[in-house]
Amino acid sequence: MNTEELRKTADKLRLTAVEMVYRGGDGHPGPALSIADIVAVLYFDKMRIRPEEPDWEDRDRFILSKGHACPIYYAALSERGYFGDKVEDFHLRGLGSTFQGHPVMNKTKGVDMTSGSLGNGIAIGTGMALAGRHEGKDYDVFVIAGDGELQEGVCWEGINTAAARSLSHLIVFADRNGWQSGGTVTETIGNNNIAERFAAFGWHTQEINGHDINAIQNAIDAARAETKRPSVIVCDCIKGKGVPYMENNNAWHKGVPTEEQWKEAQKALGGE
């Protein structure tokens, strides 16, 4: 896909994610919309995957550490063809649904790791990258983590281990949108200096606009060119990106649009 196609795909995923929350009556739209551009580039341009063979052993791995943002993940998997025909109603978070409120490995095709207990994704990704090295594989492990969850100590255990083991096939995206469920990250933890902290742990570090398709592509290429260190791509993102009334409005960390708000979101994202 070219740049414009990827931009349109990202908004299409956003539209599906908001519809998923609207029809399901529950979910986290804000955290999902902030990472749509990253997910679009990964699943429609950069990741080595086979949707028709989701367990292909040489595929690149993906972990959504901020698992509550799963509507955008499910939208990408559906659009990419993991479920055959496009899913019309995900029944998000419904009892017995394939599409739970956090991704569940072995329940949903294409999900490489169960997530939702915040902070675990980077450490799990470290383990996956170690396993790949042990097995002589060259797959990359991509992780998307939120800036709020980086307060968890287990993140830094994984970050330290990945650097110590020189896991160059581990690439982490840090969604620096400035918010967590209870308020701003700055109010909670102080200086949101993610890049400085990763660099201090010995990681290859980049900072980009997380909504710039070309910047995301180039950052992935630069991370893959690094052969001695794990990489972090710190992405400045807008929570709720693409839907004006959700943007930078933490009330939409978790919330369900009304019918009128759903129509407004459709219009903003190029839907009917």
Protein backbone atom coordinates (compact mmCIF):
# COMPACT_ATOMS: atom_id res chain seq x y z
CA MET A 1 0.00 0.00 0.00
CA ASN A 2 1.12 3.55 -0.62
CA THR A 3 1.01 6.28 2.01
CA GLU A 4 -2.48 7.52 1.14
CA GLU A 5 -3.89 3.99 1.10
CA LEU A 6 -2.41 3.34 4.53
CA ARG A 7 -3.93 6.57 5.88
CA LYS A 8 -7.33 5.53 4.57
CA THR A 9 -6.88 2.04 6.00
CA ALA A 10 -6.05 3.49 9.42
CA ASP A 11 -9.27 5.52 9.40
CA LYS A 12 -11.22 2.50 8.19
CA LEU A 13 -9.88 0.57 11.18
CA ARG A 14 -10.85 3.46 13.45
CA LEU A 15 -14.38 3.41 12.06
CA THR A 16 -14.67 -0.34 12.64
CA ALA A 17 -13.31 0.03 16.18
CA VAL A 18 -15.80 2.74 17.12
CA GLU A 19 -18.65 0.74 15.58
CA MET A 20 -17.50 -2.30 17.56
CA VAL A 21 -17.77 -0.35 20.82
CA TYR A 22 -21.07 1.26 19.81
CA ARG A 23 -22.76 -2.03 18.87
CA GLY A 24 -21.19 -3.97 21.73
CA GLY A 25 -22.19 -1.38 24.32
CA ASP A 26 -18.79 -1.38 26.01
CA GLY A 27 -15.13 -0.82 25.31
CA HIS A 28 -12.18 1.58 25.19
CA PRO A 29 -12.29 3.73 22.04
CA GLY A 30 -9.75 6.40 23.02
CA PRO A 31 -6.77 4.07 23.53
CA ALA A 32 -7.67 2.17 20.35
CA LEU A 33 -7.82 5.19 18.07
CA SER A 34 -4.44 6.55 19.16
CA ILE A 35 -2.55 3.57 17.70
CA ALA A 36 -4.52 3.03 14.48
CA ASP A 37 -1.80 4.40 12.21
CA ILE A 38 0.86 2.19 13.80
CA VAL A 39 -1.33 -0.90 13.52
CA ALA A 40 -2.18 -0.11 9.90
CA VAL A 41 1.50 0.17 8.93
CA LEU A 42 2.36 -3.05 10.75
CA TYR A 43 -0.45 -5.22 9.41
CA PHE A 44 -0.75 -3.79 5.90
CA ASP A 45 2.86 -2.96 5.09
CA LYS A 46 5.66 -4.09 7.36
CA MET A 47 4.87 -7.31 9.21
CA ARG A 48 5.71 -10.69 7.70
CA ILE A 49 2.47 -12.62 8.21
CA ARG A 50 0.15 -15.12 6.54
CA PRO A 51 -3.48 -14.51 7.54
CA GLU A 52 -4.47 -17.83 5.96
CA GLU A 53 -1.84 -19.52 8.16
CA PRO A 54 -1.97 -17.59 11.46
CA ASP A 55 0.35 -20.01 13.27
CA TRP A 56 3.07 -19.92 10.59
CA GLU A 57 6.22 -20.40 12.66
CA ASP A 58 8.29 -17.83 10.74
CA ARG A 59 5.76 -15.00 11.07
CA ASP A 60 6.55 -11.75 12.84
CA ARG A 61 4.94 -11.62 16.28
CA PHE A 62 2.74 -8.86 17.67
CA ILE A 63 1.79 -8.11 21.26
CA LEU A 64 -0.74 -5.44 22.21
CA SER A 65 0.46 -4.81 25.75
CA LYS A 66 -2.25 -2.17 26.29
CA GLY A 67 -4.81 -4.88 25.70
CA HIS A 68 -7.87 -2.75 26.37
CA ALA A 69 -7.15 -1.06 23.00
CA CYS A 70 -8.09 -4.33 21.29
CA PRO A 71 -10.91 -2.96 19.07
CA ILE A 72 -8.28 -1.58 16.68
CA TYR A 73 -6.43 -4.92 16.81
CA TYR A 74 -9.56 -6.91 16.00
CA ALA A 75 -10.42 -4.46 13.21
CA ALA A 76 -6.98 -4.98 11.63
CA LEU A 77 -7.16 -8.77 11.88
CA SER A 78 -10.61 -8.74 10.29
CA GLU A 79 -9.63 -6.38 7.49
CA ARG A 80 -6.48 -8.40 6.82
CA GLY A 81 -8.52 -11.57 6.36
CA TYR A 82 -7.77 -13.62 9.47
CA PHE A 83 -11.44 -14.54 9.89
CA GLY A 84 -12.28 -15.18 6.26
CA ASP A 85 -15.19 -12.91 5.40
CA LYS A 86 -15.12 -9.55 7.11
CA VAL A 87 -16.77 -9.68 10.55
CA GLU A 88 -20.05 -7.76 10.56
CA ASP A 89 -20.74 -7.84 14.31
CA PHE A 90 -17.90 -8.58 16.70
CA HIS A 91 -20.13 -8.82 19.80
CA LEU A 92 -17.26 -7.08 21.60
CA ARG A 93 -16.90 -8.15 25.23
CA GLY A 94 -20.00 -10.32 24.93
CA LEU A 95 -20.31 -13.54 26.92
CA GLY A 96 -18.74 -16.30 24.84
CA SER A 97 -17.64 -13.90 22.09
CA THR A 98 -14.46 -14.57 20.14
CA PHE A 99 -13.63 -10.90 20.67
CA GLN A 100 -13.19 -10.32 24.37
CA GLY A 101 -12.37 -7.05 26.13
CA HIS A 102 -8.70 -7.99 26.03
CA PRO A 103 -7.00 -10.16 23.39
CA VAL A 104 -6.99 -13.87 24.25
CA MET A 105 -4.42 -16.20 22.70
CA ASN A 106 -5.90 -19.42 21.27
CA LYS A 107 -9.38 -17.88 21.26
CA THR A 108 -8.96 -15.33 18.49
CA LYS A 109 -7.05 -16.14 15.30
CA GLY A 110 -3.97 -13.99 14.84
CA VAL A 111 -3.52 -13.09 18.51
CA ASP A 112 0.00 -14.12 19.50
CA MET A 113 -0.33 -13.41 23.22
CA THR A 114 -3.06 -12.84 25.79
CA SER A 115 -2.76 -9.36 27.26
CA GLY A 116 -4.66 -7.00 29.46
CA SER A 117 -2.84 -7.08 32.78
CA LEU A 118 -0.88 -3.93 32.02
CA GLY A 119 2.90 -3.93 31.91
CA ASN A 120 3.56 -7.48 30.76
CA GLY A 121 3.91 -7.05 27.01
CA ILE A 122 7.54 -5.97 26.84
CA ALA A 123 8.72 -8.77 29.13
CA ILE A 124 6.74 -11.33 27.11
CA GLY A 125 8.13 -9.87 23.90
CA THR A 126 11.61 -10.27 25.36
CA GLY A 127 10.89 -13.94 25.92
CA MET A 128 9.57 -14.37 22.38
CA ALA A 129 12.66 -12.71 20.93
CA LEU A 130 14.90 -14.97 23.03
CA ALA A 131 12.95 -18.01 21.83
CA GLY A 132 13.38 -16.92 18.23
CA ARG A 133 17.12 -16.64 18.68
CA HIS A 134 17.28 -20.05 20.36
CA GLU A 135 15.35 -21.60 17.46
CA GLY A 136 17.46 -19.87 14.81
CA LYS A 137 14.53 -17.78 13.55
CA ASP A 138 14.75 -14.25 12.20
CA TYR A 139 11.21 -13.06 12.97
CA ASP A 140 10.68 -9.67 14.58
CA VAL A 141 8.62 -9.18 17.73
CA PHE A 142 6.57 -5.98 17.80
CA VAL A 143 5.02 -4.65 21.01
CA ILE A 144 2.73 -1.66 21.49
CA ALA A 145 2.79 -0.33 25.05
CA GLY A 146 1.06 2.68 26.54
CA ASP A 147 2.94 5.43 28.33
CA GLY A 148 0.79 4.93 31.42
CA GLU A 149 1.63 1.24 31.76
CA LEU A 150 5.36 1.99 31.63
CA GLN A 151 5.01 2.80 35.33
CA GLU A 152 4.86 -0.95 35.97
CA GLY A 153 8.12 -2.39 37.27
CA VAL A 154 7.89 -5.55 35.15
CA CYS A 155 8.26 -3.36 32.05
CA TRP A 156 11.72 -2.33 33.15
CA GLU A 157 12.75 -5.86 34.04
CA GLY A 158 11.95 -6.82 30.46
CA ILE A 159 13.63 -3.70 29.07
CA ASN A 160 16.79 -4.43 31.06
CA THR A 161 16.89 -8.10 30.00
CA ALA A 162 16.30 -7.27 26.33
CA ALA A 163 19.23 -4.87 26.33
CA ALA A 164 21.48 -7.27 28.21
CA ARG A 165 20.72 -10.02 25.67
CA SER A 166 21.11 -7.67 22.67
CA LEU A 167 17.68 -8.63 21.33
CA SER A 168 17.73 -6.64 18.10
CA HIS A 169 14.59 -8.39 16.81
CA LEU A 170 12.48 -6.78 19.57
CA ILE A 171 10.81 -3.52 18.51
CA VAL A 172 8.59 -1.65 20.96
CA PHE A 173 6.22 1.19 20.12
CA ALA A 174 5.52 3.44 23.10
CA ASP A 175 2.19 5.24 22.66
CA ARG A 176 2.98 8.57 24.32
CA ASN A 177 -0.51 10.08 24.32
CA GLY A 178 -0.08 11.58 27.77
CA TRP A 179 -3.12 9.96 29.37
CA GLN A 180 -4.02 6.96 31.49
CA SER A 181 -7.39 5.94 32.90
CA GLY A 182 -7.23 8.18 35.96
CA GLY A 183 -5.74 11.33 34.46
CA THR A 184 -2.57 12.53 32.81
CA VAL A 185 0.65 10.56 33.00
CA THR A 186 2.48 13.70 34.19
CA GLU A 187 0.12 14.07 37.15
CA THR A 188 0.65 10.43 38.08
CA ILE A 189 4.35 9.79 37.55
CA GLY A 190 5.98 13.12 36.62
CA ASN A 191 8.20 13.70 33.61
CA ASN A 192 7.04 11.49 30.71
CA ASN A 193 10.62 11.15 29.40
CA ILE A 194 10.28 7.72 27.83
CA ALA A 195 13.04 8.05 25.24
CA GLU A 196 15.60 9.13 27.82
CA ARG A 197 14.77 6.21 30.08
CA PHE A 198 14.97 3.59 27.31
CA ALA A 199 18.25 5.10 26.08
CA ALA A 200 19.64 4.87 29.62
CA PHE A 201 18.87 1.13 29.53
CA GLY A 202 20.86 0.78 26.32
CA TRP A 203 18.07 0.68 23.72
CA HIS A 204 18.15 2.08 20.20
CA THR A 205 15.72 4.97 20.54
CA GLN A 206 13.66 7.04 18.11
CA GLU A 207 10.95 9.66 18.65
CA ILE A 208 8.32 10.29 15.96
CA ASN A 209 4.83 11.58 15.27
CA GLY A 210 2.73 8.45 15.78
CA HIS A 211 0.21 9.57 13.16
CA ASP A 212 2.75 10.15 10.38
CA ILE A 213 2.65 7.09 8.12
CA ASN A 214 6.03 7.74 6.51
CA ALA A 215 7.66 8.39 9.88
CA ILE A 216 6.33 5.08 11.20
CA GLN A 217 7.59 3.21 8.14
CA ASN A 218 11.03 4.81 8.29
CA ALA A 219 11.33 4.18 12.03
CA ILE A 220 10.57 0.48 11.55
CA ASP A 221 13.20 0.29 8.81
CA ALA A 222 15.76 1.96 11.09
CA ALA A 223 14.89 -0.39 13.95
CA ARG A 224 15.31 -3.41 11.70
CA ALA A 225 18.69 -2.09 10.55
CA GLU A 226 19.90 -2.10 14.19
CA THR A 227 21.67 -5.41 14.78
CA LYS A 228 23.02 -5.11 18.33
CA ARG A 229 20.24 -3.57 20.44
CA PRO A 230 16.48 -3.75 20.93
CA SER A 231 14.61 -0.73 19.60
CA VAL A 232 11.93 1.56 20.94
CA ILE A 233 9.92 3.93 18.77
CA VAL A 234 8.40 6.58 21.02
CA CYS A 235 5.26 7.81 19.26
CA ASP A 236 3.61 11.10 20.09
CA CYS A 237 -0.06 10.21 19.64
CA ILE A 238 -3.43 11.78 20.29
CA LYS A 239 -5.82 9.74 22.38
CA GLY A 240 -9.07 9.35 20.45
CA LYS A 241 -7.41 10.44 17.19
CA GLY A 242 -9.79 10.86 14.27
CA VAL A 243 -13.02 11.54 16.15
CA PRO A 244 -13.08 15.23 17.16
CA TYR A 245 -15.11 14.87 20.34
CA MET A 246 -12.86 12.03 21.52
CA GLU A 247 -9.49 13.63 20.79
CA ASN A 248 -7.52 14.37 23.97
CA ASN A 249 -10.72 13.83 25.96
CA ASN A 250 -9.98 11.24 28.62
CA ALA A 251 -13.70 10.70 29.19
CA TRP A 252 -13.36 8.42 26.15
CA HIS A 253 -10.75 6.21 27.72
CA LYS A 254 -13.75 3.93 28.18
CA GLY A 255 -17.16 4.87 26.90
CA VAL A 256 -19.92 4.12 24.41
CA PRO A 257 -21.10 6.62 21.79
CA THR A 258 -24.77 7.50 21.58
CA GLU A 259 -26.49 7.03 18.23
CA GLU A 260 -25.89 10.70 17.43
CA GLN A 261 -22.22 10.47 18.44
CA TRP A 262 -21.80 7.30 16.36
CA LYS A 263 -23.14 9.17 13.31
CA GLU A 264 -20.72 12.01 14.01
CA ALA A 265 -17.84 9.54 14.23
CA GLN A 266 -18.90 7.96 10.92
CA LYS A 267 -18.84 11.34 9.23
CA ALA A 268 -15.42 12.23 10.68
CA LEU A 269 -13.88 8.92 9.60
CA GLY A 270 -15.32 8.80 6.11
CA GLY A 271 -18.12 6.36 6.81
CA GLU A 272 -21.69 6.62 5.56
